[in-house]
Amino acid sequence: MAMYAASIALSDHQQITEKLNSFTFLQLILVFGLSIFNYALRFFRWHIYLGALGYHIPVSRNLMCYLAGFAFTTTPGKAGEAIRSVYLHQYGVGYKQSLAALITERILDVFAVLILAALLIYWVEDFNWGFYLFAFLVFALLIILATDPVMDKVRFWLSRHLRLSEKSLVGNLLGMAQHSLDLMKRRILLGSLLTGIIAWGAEGVAFYYILEFLGAEISLPVAIGIYGASMIAGAISFIPGGLGSAEAAMGGLLILAGVSIPVAITATLVCRIATLWFAVVIGIVFMLLLERRTGQ
């Protein structure tokens, strides 16, 4: 919050304040609604994952556990969202299985956001074909990784080269990897990836509308690409929640795209509030509800 306040203070704070106040209630409903759509799609995929692993948790309870994980979104690599495993364990879901679902979700989200970030290629004239080539390579890589022979070779290599004392730990890790592999089989892999692309793309569309409401002239593919690239920059930085790095990348790319500095800062602030901090608030609410239910 101090960083956000400093960015406003060091810029034309009066103009930024005016632009922040220019948003109407209906515009904010649209922006936050697209974030909720993102959460809903990702939960739908999560619910399918648990079902594929043999667990059939009531939708309402599973939803509460899933959303509670958002309270720890601002942890390195969003690792804190593994708190879902603790809550789901009360309903008989094994730690290996729930953590495998989380790992699979993370992997596919990275690929989905990479594809969205590749939309920035549209920024380069006469290079649109590069986006389709990149998307094809991503899909091909996922299909290769999702084949059983690849995992079998990894398991065989580890069993031969690791010391006996490590086999217990490795066995648990391989068990998780096998469950992740079950969730990345071709029959559900494509649907899971497409769900991730649509879900994260919805937040990219929200970013585009924010810019449009502020009067910025920018195309939809470029806006979505900037959003995706900013999320990748935040993840690569290993800073919890990508705080600072994601905002810097988002604002910097907007300025390079010709957006004025006050509009770029305002759009970045609103986008991060509507996508990151909105999720954290929702997560805290549901985490407290679950803790109250268990009497902790």
Protein backbone atom coordinates (compact mmCIF):
# COMPACT_ATOMS: atom_id res chain seq x y z
CA MET A 1 0.00 0.00 0.00
CA ALA A 2 2.95 2.31 0.72
CA MET A 3 4.31 1.53 -2.73
CA TYR A 4 0.98 2.41 -4.36
CA ALA A 5 0.77 5.66 -2.38
CA ALA A 6 4.35 6.56 -3.35
CA SER A 7 3.68 5.94 -7.04
CA ILE A 8 0.74 8.34 -6.88
CA ALA A 9 2.64 10.95 -4.86
CA LEU A 10 5.61 10.95 -7.25
CA SER A 11 3.34 11.38 -10.26
CA ASP A 12 0.56 13.81 -11.08
CA HIS A 13 -1.44 12.75 -8.01
CA GLN A 14 -4.24 15.21 -8.68
CA GLN A 15 -4.84 13.84 -12.17
CA ILE A 16 -4.59 10.24 -10.92
CA THR A 17 -7.09 10.97 -8.15
CA GLU A 18 -9.49 12.49 -10.67
CA LYS A 19 -9.20 9.45 -12.92
CA LEU A 20 -9.77 7.09 -10.00
CA ASN A 21 -12.91 9.04 -9.10
CA SER A 22 -14.11 8.93 -12.72
CA PHE A 23 -15.08 5.25 -12.53
CA THR A 24 -18.82 4.67 -12.33
CA PHE A 25 -20.43 1.98 -10.20
CA LEU A 26 -21.47 -0.04 -13.28
CA GLN A 27 -17.92 0.09 -14.67
CA LEU A 28 -16.53 -1.25 -11.41
CA ILE A 29 -19.19 -3.97 -11.37
CA LEU A 30 -18.03 -5.07 -14.83
CA VAL A 31 -14.34 -5.12 -13.85
CA PHE A 32 -14.84 -6.96 -10.55
CA GLY A 33 -17.41 -9.24 -12.20
CA LEU A 34 -14.81 -10.44 -14.71
CA SER A 35 -12.49 -11.26 -11.78
CA ILE A 36 -15.29 -13.28 -10.16
CA PHE A 37 -15.76 -15.08 -13.50
CA ASN A 38 -12.06 -15.94 -13.38
CA TYR A 39 -12.39 -17.40 -9.87
CA ALA A 40 -15.52 -19.35 -10.83
CA LEU A 41 -13.89 -20.99 -13.86
CA ARG A 42 -10.78 -21.93 -11.92
CA PHE A 43 -12.88 -23.44 -9.14
CA PHE A 44 -14.88 -25.40 -11.72
CA ARG A 45 -11.59 -26.87 -12.98
CA TRP A 46 -10.46 -27.58 -9.40
CA HIS A 47 -13.73 -29.39 -8.63
CA ILE A 48 -13.22 -31.56 -11.71
CA TYR A 49 -9.67 -32.34 -10.59
CA LEU A 50 -10.81 -33.66 -7.21
CA GLY A 51 -13.54 -35.67 -8.90
CA ALA A 52 -11.00 -37.20 -11.29
CA LEU A 53 -8.90 -38.18 -8.25
CA GLY A 54 -11.87 -39.99 -6.73
CA TYR A 55 -13.12 -37.36 -4.27
CA HIS A 56 -16.65 -36.02 -4.43
CA ILE A 57 -16.82 -33.09 -2.02
CA PRO A 58 -20.07 -31.06 -1.82
CA VAL A 59 -19.69 -28.05 -4.09
CA SER A 60 -20.35 -25.51 -1.32
CA ARG A 61 -17.70 -26.97 1.02
CA ASN A 62 -15.17 -27.37 -1.77
CA LEU A 63 -15.81 -23.78 -2.87
CA MET A 64 -15.18 -22.46 0.63
CA CYS A 65 -11.90 -24.38 0.90
CA TYR A 66 -10.83 -23.24 -2.55
CA LEU A 67 -11.58 -19.57 -1.95
CA ALA A 68 -9.92 -19.66 1.49
CA GLY A 69 -6.64 -20.36 -0.29
CA PHE A 70 -6.81 -16.89 -1.87
CA ALA A 71 -6.02 -15.42 1.55
CA PHE A 72 -2.42 -16.52 0.92
CA THR A 73 -2.13 -15.48 -2.71
CA THR A 74 0.59 -12.98 -1.75
CA THR A 75 3.05 -15.71 -0.82
CA PRO A 76 6.05 -16.76 -2.98
CA GLY A 77 4.70 -18.75 -5.92
CA LYS A 78 1.27 -18.59 -4.23
CA ALA A 79 2.50 -21.56 -2.19
CA GLY A 80 0.34 -20.47 0.74
CA GLU A 81 -2.75 -21.47 -1.21
CA ALA A 82 -1.85 -25.02 -0.18
CA ILE A 83 -3.88 -24.22 2.97
CA ARG A 84 -6.70 -25.76 0.93
CA SER A 85 -5.11 -29.14 1.57
CA VAL A 86 -5.50 -28.63 5.33
CA TYR A 87 -9.19 -27.78 5.06
CA LEU A 88 -9.94 -30.48 2.49
CA HIS A 89 -8.18 -33.12 4.63
CA GLN A 90 -11.06 -32.77 7.08
CA TYR A 91 -13.30 -34.15 4.34
CA GLY A 92 -11.06 -37.13 3.62
CA VAL A 93 -8.99 -35.68 0.77
CA GLY A 94 -5.39 -36.90 0.96
CA TYR A 95 -2.56 -34.38 1.06
CA LYS A 96 -0.82 -35.97 -1.93
CA GLN A 97 -3.92 -35.66 -4.06
CA SER A 98 -4.85 -32.08 -3.15
CA LEU A 99 -1.25 -30.89 -3.51
CA ALA A 100 -1.06 -32.67 -6.87
CA ALA A 101 -4.19 -30.78 -7.96
CA LEU A 102 -2.58 -27.50 -6.83
CA ILE A 103 0.65 -28.26 -8.71
CA THR A 104 -1.28 -29.17 -11.86
CA GLU A 105 -3.31 -25.99 -11.56
CA ARG A 106 -0.11 -23.93 -11.25
CA ILE A 107 1.55 -25.60 -14.25
CA LEU A 108 -1.42 -25.10 -16.54
CA ASP A 109 -1.92 -21.53 -15.34
CA VAL A 110 1.68 -20.73 -16.28
CA PHE A 111 1.15 -22.11 -19.76
CA ALA A 112 -2.18 -20.28 -20.10
CA VAL A 113 -0.70 -16.93 -19.05
CA LEU A 114 2.30 -17.48 -21.36
CA ILE A 115 -0.09 -17.87 -24.28
CA LEU A 116 -1.88 -14.67 -23.27
CA ALA A 117 1.44 -12.84 -22.91
CA ALA A 118 2.35 -13.98 -26.42
CA LEU A 119 -0.48 -11.79 -27.71
CA LEU A 120 2.05 -8.95 -27.42
CA ILE A 121 3.45 -10.33 -30.67
CA TYR A 122 0.49 -8.56 -32.29
CA TRP A 123 2.32 -5.40 -31.34
CA VAL A 124 4.92 -6.25 -33.98
CA GLU A 125 3.65 -5.65 -37.50
CA ASP A 126 3.53 -8.59 -39.91
CA PHE A 127 4.43 -11.02 -37.13
CA ASN A 128 0.99 -12.28 -36.12
CA TRP A 129 1.90 -15.79 -37.23
CA GLY A 130 4.44 -15.90 -34.41
CA PHE A 131 1.62 -16.05 -31.84
CA TYR A 132 0.06 -19.11 -33.47
CA LEU A 133 3.45 -20.80 -33.68
CA PHE A 134 4.08 -20.13 -29.99
CA ALA A 135 0.63 -21.44 -29.00
CA PHE A 136 1.20 -24.59 -31.06
CA LEU A 137 4.57 -25.21 -29.38
CA VAL A 138 3.02 -24.80 -25.92
CA PHE A 139 0.24 -27.28 -26.70
CA ALA A 140 2.74 -29.74 -28.20
CA LEU A 141 5.00 -29.52 -25.14
CA LEU A 142 2.10 -30.16 -22.79
CA ILE A 143 0.97 -33.20 -24.74
CA ILE A 144 4.52 -34.60 -24.65
CA LEU A 145 4.77 -34.04 -20.89
CA ALA A 146 1.37 -35.66 -20.38
CA THR A 147 2.35 -39.00 -21.91
CA ASP A 148 2.95 -41.95 -19.61
CA PRO A 149 6.30 -42.99 -21.17
CA VAL A 150 7.88 -39.67 -20.13
CA MET A 151 6.87 -40.15 -16.50
CA ASP A 152 7.90 -43.80 -16.55
CA LYS A 153 11.40 -42.87 -17.73
CA VAL A 154 11.73 -40.26 -14.96
CA ARG A 155 10.60 -42.79 -12.36
CA PHE A 156 13.06 -45.42 -13.68
CA TRP A 157 15.99 -42.97 -13.69
CA LEU A 158 15.30 -41.83 -10.14
CA SER A 159 14.96 -45.36 -8.82
CA ARG A 160 18.41 -46.22 -10.20
CA HIS A 161 20.34 -43.09 -9.25
CA LEU A 162 18.99 -42.05 -5.87
CA ARG A 163 20.27 -43.35 -2.56
CA LEU A 164 18.08 -45.68 -0.52
CA SER A 165 17.65 -43.08 2.23
CA GLU A 166 16.04 -40.73 -0.28
CA LYS A 167 13.57 -43.17 -1.68
CA SER A 168 10.90 -42.51 0.94
CA LEU A 169 10.84 -38.78 0.22
CA VAL A 170 11.14 -39.36 -3.51
CA GLY A 171 8.38 -41.92 -3.32
CA ASN A 172 6.03 -39.30 -1.89
CA LEU A 173 7.08 -36.77 -4.51
CA LEU A 174 6.64 -39.33 -7.28
CA GLY A 175 3.24 -40.19 -5.86
CA MET A 176 2.25 -36.55 -6.17
CA ALA A 177 3.75 -36.45 -9.65
CA GLN A 178 1.72 -39.50 -10.65
CA HIS A 179 -1.50 -37.89 -9.43
CA SER A 180 -0.59 -34.74 -11.37
CA LEU A 181 0.02 -36.92 -14.42
CA ASP A 182 -3.44 -38.43 -13.97
CA LEU A 183 -4.86 -34.89 -14.14
CA MET A 184 -2.83 -34.05 -17.23
CA LYS A 185 -3.93 -36.94 -19.38
CA ARG A 186 -5.08 -35.86 -22.79
CA ARG A 187 -8.78 -36.40 -22.08
CA ILE A 188 -8.82 -33.52 -19.57
CA LEU A 189 -5.58 -31.69 -20.41
CA LEU A 190 -6.95 -29.65 -23.30
CA GLY A 191 -10.10 -28.67 -21.44
CA SER A 192 -8.07 -27.65 -18.37
CA LEU A 193 -5.71 -25.48 -20.42
CA LEU A 194 -8.54 -23.84 -22.34
CA THR A 195 -10.33 -23.15 -19.05
CA GLY A 196 -7.18 -21.45 -17.76
CA ILE A 197 -6.82 -19.36 -20.92
CA ILE A 198 -10.45 -18.20 -20.71
CA ALA A 199 -10.24 -17.56 -16.96
CA TRP A 200 -7.05 -15.48 -17.06
CA GLY A 201 -8.14 -13.95 -20.35
CA ALA A 202 -11.22 -12.62 -18.55
CA GLU A 203 -9.00 -10.60 -16.24
CA GLY A 204 -7.08 -9.41 -19.29
CA VAL A 205 -10.38 -8.22 -20.75
CA ALA A 206 -11.11 -6.45 -17.45
CA PHE A 207 -7.74 -4.70 -17.81
CA TYR A 208 -8.71 -3.65 -21.34
CA TYR A 209 -12.00 -2.17 -20.11
CA ILE A 210 -10.18 -0.29 -17.36
CA LEU A 211 -7.98 1.31 -19.99
CA GLU A 212 -10.97 2.03 -22.20
CA PHE A 213 -12.86 3.68 -19.34
CA LEU A 214 -9.80 5.87 -18.76
CA GLY A 215 -9.75 6.92 -22.42
CA ALA A 216 -6.61 5.03 -23.45
CA GLU A 217 -6.39 3.91 -27.07
CA ILE A 218 -5.10 0.35 -27.02
CA SER A 219 -6.22 -2.82 -28.75
CA LEU A 220 -7.71 -5.79 -26.90
CA PRO A 221 -4.91 -8.28 -27.82
CA VAL A 222 -2.20 -5.85 -26.68
CA ALA A 223 -4.02 -5.12 -23.40
CA ILE A 224 -4.42 -8.84 -22.67
CA GLY A 225 -0.80 -9.44 -23.67
CA ILE A 226 0.44 -6.72 -21.31
CA TYR A 227 -1.61 -8.22 -18.49
CA GLY A 228 -0.22 -11.70 -19.17
CA ALA A 229 3.37 -10.45 -19.46
CA SER A 230 2.99 -8.57 -16.16
CA MET A 231 1.80 -11.71 -14.41
CA ILE A 232 4.81 -13.62 -15.78
CA ALA A 233 7.14 -10.82 -14.63
CA GLY A 234 5.63 -11.02 -11.15
CA ALA A 235 6.08 -14.81 -11.04
CA ILE A 236 9.68 -14.70 -12.29
CA SER A 237 10.62 -12.13 -9.63
CA PHE A 238 9.76 -14.65 -6.84
CA ILE A 239 8.43 -11.70 -4.85
CA PRO A 240 5.25 -12.65 -2.93
CA GLY A 241 2.29 -11.89 -5.16
CA GLY A 242 4.67 -10.29 -7.66
CA LEU A 243 4.26 -7.08 -5.65
CA GLY A 244 6.17 -4.26 -7.29
CA SER A 245 7.50 -6.30 -10.20
CA ALA A 246 4.09 -6.97 -11.77
CA GLU A 247 3.04 -3.35 -11.30
CA ALA A 248 6.31 -2.05 -12.75
CA ALA A 249 6.01 -4.32 -15.80
CA MET A 250 2.37 -3.39 -16.34
CA GLY A 251 2.94 0.34 -16.03
CA GLY A 252 6.14 0.25 -18.10
CA LEU A 253 4.57 -1.71 -20.96
CA LEU A 254 1.58 0.62 -21.01
CA ILE A 255 3.87 3.64 -21.29
CA LEU A 256 5.77 1.92 -24.13
CA ALA A 257 2.41 1.35 -25.82
CA GLY A 258 1.79 5.09 -25.79
CA VAL A 259 -0.41 5.38 -22.71
CA SER A 260 0.17 8.50 -20.61
CA ILE A 261 1.87 8.06 -17.24
CA PRO A 262 -1.17 9.09 -15.11
CA VAL A 263 -3.45 6.71 -17.05
CA ALA A 264 -0.86 3.90 -16.87
CA ILE A 265 -0.52 4.27 -13.08
CA THR A 266 -4.28 4.52 -12.54
CA ALA A 267 -5.00 1.49 -14.73
CA THR A 268 -2.30 -0.54 -12.94
CA LEU A 269 -3.66 0.35 -9.49
CA VAL A 270 -7.27 -0.45 -10.39
CA CYS A 271 -6.30 -3.69 -12.14
CA ARG A 272 -4.26 -4.97 -9.21
CA ILE A 273 -6.97 -4.04 -6.71
CA ALA A 274 -9.64 -5.78 -8.81
CA THR A 275 -7.61 -8.92 -9.50
CA LEU A 276 -5.06 -9.45 -6.70
CA TRP A 277 -6.34 -7.68 -3.59
CA PHE A 278 -9.98 -8.50 -4.29
CA ALA A 279 -9.03 -12.19 -4.24
CA VAL A 280 -7.08 -11.76 -1.00
CA VAL A 281 -10.07 -10.13 0.72
CA ILE A 282 -12.39 -12.91 -0.47
CA GLY A 283 -9.88 -15.50 0.76
CA ILE A 284 -9.60 -13.94 4.20
CA VAL A 285 -13.40 -13.91 4.58
CA PHE A 286 -13.77 -17.60 3.72
CA MET A 287 -10.72 -18.60 5.74
CA LEU A 288 -12.22 -16.95 8.82
CA LEU A 289 -15.55 -18.68 8.16
CA LEU A 290 -13.82 -22.06 7.98
CA GLU A 291 -11.75 -21.38 11.09
CA ARG A 292 -14.88 -20.34 12.96
CA ARG A 293 -16.65 -23.51 11.84
CA THR A 294 -13.81 -25.66 13.19
CA GLY A 295 -13.64 -23.64 16.41
CA GLN A 296 -10.00 -22.56 15.87
